[in-house]
Amino acid sequence: MSRNKRQSLSPEEQTVLDHLQVRPLTGREEYGRCDELIVEEHYLHDATLVGEHLRYVATHKGRWLAVATWSGASY
């Protein structure tokens, strides 16, 4: 049985991946934009993070596509 079940990408899909970037957010302005998007789009409508946290954004040619946040576990 072949373990390689990966399909090849179309040229359009490869172009998207070539321009996709995931990076940590820096600065209050980006944090604020991230929080606004979470409050607007997430089903809980709450962007509160507790303790230490990380925030990342996925962009395509400078356009924000997704945000991801992590915070430290609580007791």
N, C-alpha and C. Protein backbone atom coordinates (compact mmCIF):
# COMPACT_ATOMS: atom_id res chain seq x y z
N MET A 1 0.83 -1.18 0.00
CA MET A 1 0.00 0.00 0.00
C MET A 1 0.88 1.24 0.00
N SER A 2 0.61 2.13 -0.90
CA SER A 2 1.40 3.34 -1.03
C SER A 2 1.07 4.32 0.09
N ARG A 3 2.09 4.85 0.73
CA ARG A 3 1.89 5.83 1.80
C ARG A 3 1.77 7.25 1.25
N ASN A 4 2.21 7.46 0.04
CA ASN A 4 2.19 8.79 -0.55
C ASN A 4 0.86 9.03 -1.25
N LYS A 5 -0.10 9.60 -0.51
CA LYS A 5 -1.41 9.89 -1.08
C LYS A 5 -1.57 11.37 -1.37
N ARG A 6 -0.50 12.11 -1.33
CA ARG A 6 -0.54 13.54 -1.56
C ARG A 6 -0.80 13.83 -3.03
N GLN A 7 -1.78 14.66 -3.28
CA GLN A 7 -2.09 15.05 -4.65
C GLN A 7 -1.20 16.22 -5.03
N SER A 8 -0.88 16.30 -6.30
CA SER A 8 -0.09 17.43 -6.75
C SER A 8 -0.96 18.68 -6.81
N LEU A 9 -0.35 19.82 -6.61
CA LEU A 9 -1.07 21.08 -6.60
C LEU A 9 -1.18 21.64 -8.00
N SER A 10 -2.28 22.33 -8.24
CA SER A 10 -2.43 23.03 -9.51
C SER A 10 -1.52 24.26 -9.47
N PRO A 11 -1.21 24.83 -10.63
CA PRO A 11 -0.38 26.04 -10.64
C PRO A 11 -1.00 27.18 -9.82
N GLU A 12 -2.33 27.30 -9.85
CA GLU A 12 -2.99 28.35 -9.08
C GLU A 12 -2.83 28.13 -7.59
N GLU A 13 -2.99 26.88 -7.15
CA GLU A 13 -2.81 26.56 -5.73
C GLU A 13 -1.38 26.80 -5.28
N GLN A 14 -0.43 26.45 -6.12
CA GLN A 14 0.98 26.67 -5.78
C GLN A 14 1.29 28.15 -5.68
N THR A 15 0.68 28.96 -6.54
CA THR A 15 0.89 30.41 -6.49
C THR A 15 0.37 30.98 -5.17
N VAL A 16 -0.79 30.51 -4.73
CA VAL A 16 -1.33 30.97 -3.45
C VAL A 16 -0.37 30.61 -2.32
N LEU A 17 0.10 29.37 -2.30
CA LEU A 17 1.02 28.95 -1.24
C LEU A 17 2.34 29.70 -1.29
N ASP A 18 2.81 30.04 -2.48
CA ASP A 18 4.05 30.79 -2.61
C ASP A 18 3.94 32.18 -1.98
N HIS A 19 2.74 32.74 -1.96
CA HIS A 19 2.54 34.09 -1.42
C HIS A 19 1.92 34.09 -0.03
N LEU A 20 1.68 32.92 0.54
CA LEU A 20 1.10 32.82 1.87
C LEU A 20 2.19 33.01 2.93
N GLN A 21 1.87 33.79 3.94
CA GLN A 21 2.83 34.05 5.01
C GLN A 21 2.12 33.96 6.35
N VAL A 22 2.72 33.29 7.31
CA VAL A 22 2.21 33.24 8.68
C VAL A 22 3.27 33.87 9.57
N ARG A 23 2.84 34.86 10.36
CA ARG A 23 3.80 35.59 11.20
C ARG A 23 3.15 36.01 12.50
N PRO A 24 3.97 36.20 13.53
CA PRO A 24 3.42 36.69 14.81
C PRO A 24 3.01 38.16 14.67
N LEU A 25 2.00 38.54 15.42
CA LEU A 25 1.57 39.94 15.44
C LEU A 25 2.49 40.73 16.35
N THR A 26 2.69 41.98 15.98
CA THR A 26 3.53 42.87 16.78
C THR A 26 2.83 44.21 16.92
N GLY A 27 2.87 44.76 18.08
CA GLY A 27 2.35 46.10 18.29
C GLY A 27 0.87 46.16 18.60
N ARG A 28 0.50 47.24 19.25
CA ARG A 28 -0.89 47.43 19.70
C ARG A 28 -1.87 47.54 18.54
N GLU A 29 -1.46 48.15 17.45
CA GLU A 29 -2.37 48.31 16.31
C GLU A 29 -2.78 46.96 15.74
N GLU A 30 -1.82 46.07 15.55
CA GLU A 30 -2.14 44.73 15.03
C GLU A 30 -2.93 43.92 16.05
N TYR A 31 -2.59 44.04 17.33
CA TYR A 31 -3.36 43.34 18.37
C TYR A 31 -4.82 43.82 18.34
N GLY A 32 -5.01 45.12 18.22
CA GLY A 32 -6.36 45.67 18.17
C GLY A 32 -7.14 45.16 16.98
N ARG A 33 -6.50 45.11 15.83
CA ARG A 33 -7.17 44.60 14.62
C ARG A 33 -7.55 43.14 14.80
N CYS A 34 -6.65 42.36 15.38
CA CYS A 34 -6.91 40.95 15.64
C CYS A 34 -8.11 40.81 16.58
N ASP A 35 -8.14 41.55 17.66
CA ASP A 35 -9.24 41.49 18.62
C ASP A 35 -10.56 41.88 17.97
N GLU A 36 -10.55 42.92 17.15
CA GLU A 36 -11.77 43.34 16.46
C GLU A 36 -12.31 42.23 15.57
N LEU A 37 -11.42 41.57 14.85
CA LEU A 37 -11.85 40.48 13.97
C LEU A 37 -12.43 39.31 14.76
N ILE A 38 -11.81 38.99 15.88
CA ILE A 38 -12.32 37.89 16.70
C ILE A 38 -13.69 38.24 17.26
N VAL A 39 -13.84 39.44 17.80
CA VAL A 39 -15.12 39.85 18.37
C VAL A 39 -16.20 39.84 17.29
N GLU A 40 -15.85 40.25 16.09
CA GLU A 40 -16.82 40.32 15.00
C GLU A 40 -17.16 38.94 14.43
N GLU A 41 -16.16 38.06 14.27
CA GLU A 41 -16.36 36.83 13.52
C GLU A 41 -16.48 35.55 14.36
N HIS A 42 -15.90 35.52 15.54
CA HIS A 42 -15.92 34.29 16.35
C HIS A 42 -17.28 34.11 17.00
N TYR A 43 -17.72 32.89 17.11
CA TYR A 43 -19.06 32.64 17.65
C TYR A 43 -19.22 33.07 19.11
N LEU A 44 -18.13 33.13 19.87
CA LEU A 44 -18.23 33.60 21.26
C LEU A 44 -18.17 35.12 21.37
N HIS A 45 -17.73 35.80 20.32
CA HIS A 45 -17.62 37.27 20.30
C HIS A 45 -16.81 37.81 21.47
N ASP A 46 -15.72 37.12 21.80
CA ASP A 46 -14.87 37.55 22.91
C ASP A 46 -13.42 37.26 22.56
N ALA A 47 -12.60 38.28 22.64
CA ALA A 47 -11.19 38.13 22.28
C ALA A 47 -10.28 38.13 23.50
N THR A 48 -10.84 37.92 24.67
CA THR A 48 -10.05 37.98 25.90
C THR A 48 -9.07 36.82 25.97
N LEU A 49 -7.81 37.15 26.17
CA LEU A 49 -6.76 36.15 26.38
C LEU A 49 -6.24 36.33 27.81
N VAL A 50 -5.96 35.23 28.47
CA VAL A 50 -5.52 35.27 29.87
C VAL A 50 -4.07 34.84 29.95
N GLY A 51 -3.29 35.55 30.75
CA GLY A 51 -1.89 35.19 30.97
C GLY A 51 -1.04 35.40 29.73
N GLU A 52 0.02 34.62 29.64
CA GLU A 52 0.90 34.71 28.48
C GLU A 52 0.13 34.28 27.24
N HIS A 53 0.40 34.94 26.13
CA HIS A 53 -0.35 34.60 24.92
C HIS A 53 0.47 34.85 23.66
N LEU A 54 0.03 34.22 22.60
CA LEU A 54 0.61 34.39 21.27
C LEU A 54 -0.51 34.73 20.31
N ARG A 55 -0.21 35.57 19.33
CA ARG A 55 -1.17 35.91 18.28
C ARG A 55 -0.45 35.87 16.94
N TYR A 56 -1.03 35.18 16.00
CA TYR A 56 -0.46 35.05 14.66
C TYR A 56 -1.49 35.44 13.62
N VAL A 57 -1.00 35.86 12.45
CA VAL A 57 -1.86 36.18 11.33
C VAL A 57 -1.32 35.46 10.09
N ALA A 58 -2.25 34.95 9.27
CA ALA A 58 -1.91 34.38 7.97
C ALA A 58 -2.31 35.40 6.92
N THR A 59 -1.37 35.76 6.05
CA THR A 59 -1.63 36.76 5.03
C THR A 59 -1.34 36.21 3.65
N HIS A 60 -2.04 36.75 2.67
CA HIS A 60 -1.79 36.45 1.26
C HIS A 60 -1.64 37.77 0.54
N LYS A 61 -0.44 38.05 0.09
CA LYS A 61 -0.13 39.32 -0.59
C LYS A 61 -0.56 40.52 0.25
N GLY A 62 -0.32 40.43 1.57
CA GLY A 62 -0.61 41.53 2.48
C GLY A 62 -2.02 41.54 3.04
N ARG A 63 -2.92 40.73 2.52
CA ARG A 63 -4.32 40.69 2.99
C ARG A 63 -4.45 39.66 4.10
N TRP A 64 -5.05 40.06 5.21
CA TRP A 64 -5.24 39.14 6.33
C TRP A 64 -6.29 38.10 5.96
N LEU A 65 -5.94 36.82 6.09
CA LEU A 65 -6.87 35.74 5.81
C LEU A 65 -7.37 35.07 7.08
N ALA A 66 -6.50 34.97 8.09
CA ALA A 66 -6.87 34.26 9.31
C ALA A 66 -6.01 34.76 10.46
N VAL A 67 -6.56 34.65 11.67
CA VAL A 67 -5.78 34.92 12.87
C VAL A 67 -5.87 33.70 13.77
N ALA A 68 -4.84 33.49 14.54
CA ALA A 68 -4.80 32.39 15.51
C ALA A 68 -4.22 32.92 16.81
N THR A 69 -4.86 32.57 17.91
CA THR A 69 -4.39 33.01 19.22
C THR A 69 -4.27 31.83 20.16
N TRP A 70 -3.30 31.90 21.06
CA TRP A 70 -3.11 30.90 22.09
C TRP A 70 -2.84 31.64 23.39
N SER A 71 -3.35 31.12 24.47
CA SER A 71 -3.02 31.67 25.79
C SER A 71 -2.66 30.53 26.73
N GLY A 72 -1.96 30.90 27.79
CA GLY A 72 -1.51 29.90 28.75
C GLY A 72 -2.69 29.21 29.42
N ALA A 73 -2.47 27.98 29.80
CA ALA A 73 -3.52 27.20 30.46
C ALA A 73 -3.79 27.77 31.85
N SER A 74 -5.03 27.69 32.27
CA SER A 74 -5.39 28.14 33.62
C SER A 74 -5.28 26.95 34.58
N TYR A 75 -5.31 27.24 35.85
CA TYR A 75 -5.24 26.17 36.86
C TYR A 75 -6.46 25.30 36.78
